[in-house]
Protein backbone atom coordinates (compact mmCIF):
# COMPACT_ATOMS: atom_id res chain seq x y z
CA MET A 1 -202.24 -129.96 -47.23
CA THR A 2 -199.92 -132.73 -48.36
CA ASN A 3 -199.93 -133.98 -51.90
CA LYS A 4 -201.34 -137.43 -52.65
CA PRO A 5 -199.82 -139.71 -55.28
CA PHE A 6 -203.18 -140.44 -56.97
CA ASN A 7 -206.94 -139.98 -56.70
CA VAL A 8 -209.27 -142.42 -54.97
CA GLY A 9 -213.06 -142.66 -55.16
CA ARG A 10 -213.55 -140.55 -52.04
CA ASP A 11 -212.11 -137.58 -53.95
CA CYS A 12 -215.33 -137.20 -55.98
CA ARG A 13 -218.75 -135.72 -55.18
CA VAL A 14 -221.73 -135.56 -57.53
CA VAL A 15 -224.66 -133.10 -57.44
CA LEU A 16 -227.74 -133.37 -59.66
CA ILE A 17 -229.73 -130.26 -60.65
CA TYR A 18 -232.91 -131.09 -62.53
CA ASN A 19 -235.62 -128.66 -63.60
CA GLY A 20 -233.83 -125.97 -61.60
CA SER A 21 -233.88 -127.89 -58.29
CA ARG A 22 -231.19 -129.83 -56.47
CA VAL A 23 -231.96 -133.53 -56.12
CA ASP A 24 -230.27 -134.82 -52.97
CA LEU A 25 -228.85 -138.31 -53.28
CA PRO A 26 -227.01 -138.54 -49.94
CA THR A 27 -224.87 -141.63 -50.43
CA VAL A 28 -223.42 -141.77 -53.95
CA THR A 29 -221.23 -144.88 -54.09
CA GLY A 30 -219.94 -144.74 -57.66
CA PHE A 31 -219.63 -142.38 -60.62
CA GLN A 32 -218.25 -142.83 -64.11
CA SER A 33 -218.41 -140.91 -67.37
CA GLN A 34 -217.16 -141.36 -70.90
CA GLN A 35 -216.79 -138.91 -73.75
CA GLN A 36 -218.73 -139.88 -76.86
CA THR A 37 -217.32 -139.11 -80.29
CA HIS A 38 -218.31 -139.58 -83.88
CA GLN A 39 -215.34 -140.95 -85.78
CA LEU A 40 -214.63 -139.63 -89.26
CA THR A 41 -212.41 -141.60 -91.59
CA SER A 42 -210.56 -140.41 -94.67
CA ALA A 43 -209.05 -142.97 -97.03
CA PRO A 44 -206.84 -141.08 -99.49
CA LEU A 45 -205.69 -143.00 -102.55
CA ASN A 46 -202.13 -141.70 -102.17
CA ASP A 47 -201.57 -141.80 -98.40
CA MET A 48 -202.30 -143.64 -95.17
CA PRO A 49 -205.81 -143.39 -93.73
CA MET A 50 -206.65 -140.47 -91.46
CA PHE A 51 -209.05 -140.47 -88.52
CA PHE A 52 -210.78 -137.66 -86.69
CA ASP A 53 -212.96 -137.80 -83.57
CA VAL A 54 -215.73 -135.21 -83.41
CA PRO A 55 -217.08 -134.57 -79.88
CA ASN A 56 -220.57 -136.04 -79.54
CA GLY A 57 -221.60 -135.57 -75.91
CA TRP A 58 -220.99 -137.55 -72.74
CA ARG A 59 -222.49 -140.66 -71.17
CA GLY A 60 -222.21 -141.88 -67.65
CA GLN A 61 -223.83 -143.31 -64.58
CA PHE A 62 -223.87 -143.00 -60.86
CA ASP A 63 -224.80 -145.53 -58.21
CA PHE A 64 -226.22 -144.57 -54.85
CA GLN A 65 -227.78 -146.08 -51.77
CA ARG A 66 -231.51 -145.55 -51.48
CA ASP A 67 -231.44 -143.25 -48.44
CA ASN A 68 -234.65 -141.45 -49.39
CA ASP A 69 -237.31 -141.35 -52.11
CA ASN A 70 -235.80 -138.41 -54.04
CA ALA A 71 -234.75 -140.42 -57.11
CA ASP A 72 -238.06 -142.28 -57.28
CA ASP A 73 -239.97 -139.00 -56.91
CA LEU A 74 -237.85 -137.36 -59.62
CA PHE A 75 -238.52 -140.10 -62.15
CA ALA A 76 -242.23 -140.22 -61.28
CA ALA A 77 -242.36 -136.46 -61.95
CA ILE A 78 -240.42 -136.85 -65.24
CA GLU A 79 -242.84 -139.53 -66.46
CA SER A 80 -245.90 -137.65 -65.28
CA GLY A 81 -244.74 -134.44 -66.97
CA PHE A 82 -244.17 -136.25 -70.23
CA TRP A 83 -247.46 -138.15 -70.31
CA SER A 84 -249.62 -135.26 -69.13
CA ALA A 85 -248.06 -132.37 -71.08
CA GLY A 86 -245.32 -133.75 -73.34
CA THR A 87 -242.70 -132.04 -71.18
CA MET A 88 -239.11 -133.12 -71.74
CA ILE A 89 -236.69 -131.40 -69.37
CA THR A 90 -232.94 -131.74 -69.09
CA GLY A 91 -230.71 -131.09 -66.10
CA ASN A 92 -227.10 -130.55 -65.17
CA ILE A 93 -224.74 -132.78 -63.23
CA TYR A 94 -221.85 -131.32 -61.26
CA GLN A 95 -218.80 -133.39 -60.42
CA TYR A 96 -216.39 -132.07 -57.79
CA VAL A 97 -212.96 -133.68 -57.72
CA VAL A 98 -210.37 -133.04 -55.00
CA GLU A 99 -207.12 -133.12 -56.94
CA THR A 100 -203.92 -134.69 -55.62
CA ASP A 101 -202.52 -131.23 -54.74
CA GLY A 102 -205.60 -130.43 -52.61
CA THR A 103 -207.32 -128.10 -55.09
CA THR A 104 -210.85 -128.82 -56.33
CA SER A 105 -211.87 -129.18 -59.97
CA THR A 106 -215.52 -128.79 -60.95
CA TYR A 107 -217.02 -130.34 -64.08
CA GLU A 108 -220.50 -129.52 -65.34
CA TYR A 109 -222.38 -131.98 -67.55
CA VAL A 110 -224.86 -129.75 -69.40
CA GLY A 111 -228.21 -130.77 -70.89
CA ALA A 112 -228.30 -134.16 -69.20
CA THR A 113 -231.15 -136.55 -69.85
CA LEU A 114 -231.62 -139.19 -67.18
CA ARG A 115 -232.65 -142.84 -66.98
CA LEU A 116 -233.30 -144.72 -63.75
CA SER A 117 -231.62 -147.85 -65.07
CA ASP A 118 -231.83 -149.66 -61.72
CA ALA A 119 -234.65 -148.74 -59.32
CA GLY A 120 -233.29 -151.13 -56.71
CA ASN A 121 -233.00 -154.75 -55.72
CA TRP A 122 -234.87 -155.16 -52.45
CA ARG A 123 -233.56 -157.99 -50.25
CA SER A 124 -233.72 -158.70 -46.56
CA GLU A 125 -230.76 -157.28 -44.62
CA ASN A 126 -229.11 -155.78 -47.71
CA ILE A 127 -228.59 -152.18 -48.76
CA THR A 128 -230.82 -151.21 -51.67
CA THR A 129 -228.83 -149.43 -54.37
CA GLN A 130 -230.09 -147.57 -57.41
CA ARG A 131 -228.43 -146.40 -60.63
CA ILE A 132 -229.01 -143.35 -62.80
CA GLU A 133 -227.55 -143.28 -66.29
CA PHE A 134 -227.21 -140.03 -68.18
CA THR A 135 -226.41 -138.57 -71.57
CA ALA A 136 -225.22 -134.95 -71.67
CA ARG A 137 -224.48 -132.49 -74.43
CA ILE A 138 -221.08 -131.35 -73.17
CA ARG A 139 -218.80 -131.41 -70.12
CA ASN A 140 -217.44 -128.01 -69.11
CA LYS A 141 -214.72 -127.30 -66.59
CA ILE A 142 -215.89 -124.51 -64.31
């Protein structure tokens, strides 16, 4: 396989595992994540200030076309579980990236809580998209 000069969006796949089951979201159209840190500051009297960033989880989101009712069913089950039994479950998100040399890197976002931040904008002759935002404890490279 030939090397590419850089990555493009098509080089990424996202899989959601929640409560031990895979949630199929067939047409993911966007994914982004950001490391969260807690910044510590030291202001010595006899030196320049010092800064330290302590890892504090990950945040992100993914957009997808509404090809099925899987996301809506997932969030209905999450709400129902909470209100009927106080259940609060986390999941894992897997990101697969085809690197420029053709190899694949896998990242696992562990302990992810989810929010359906956009359940869809329904308009005539338009594709309905949805958005899930997440917060995870850590991102591991597998």
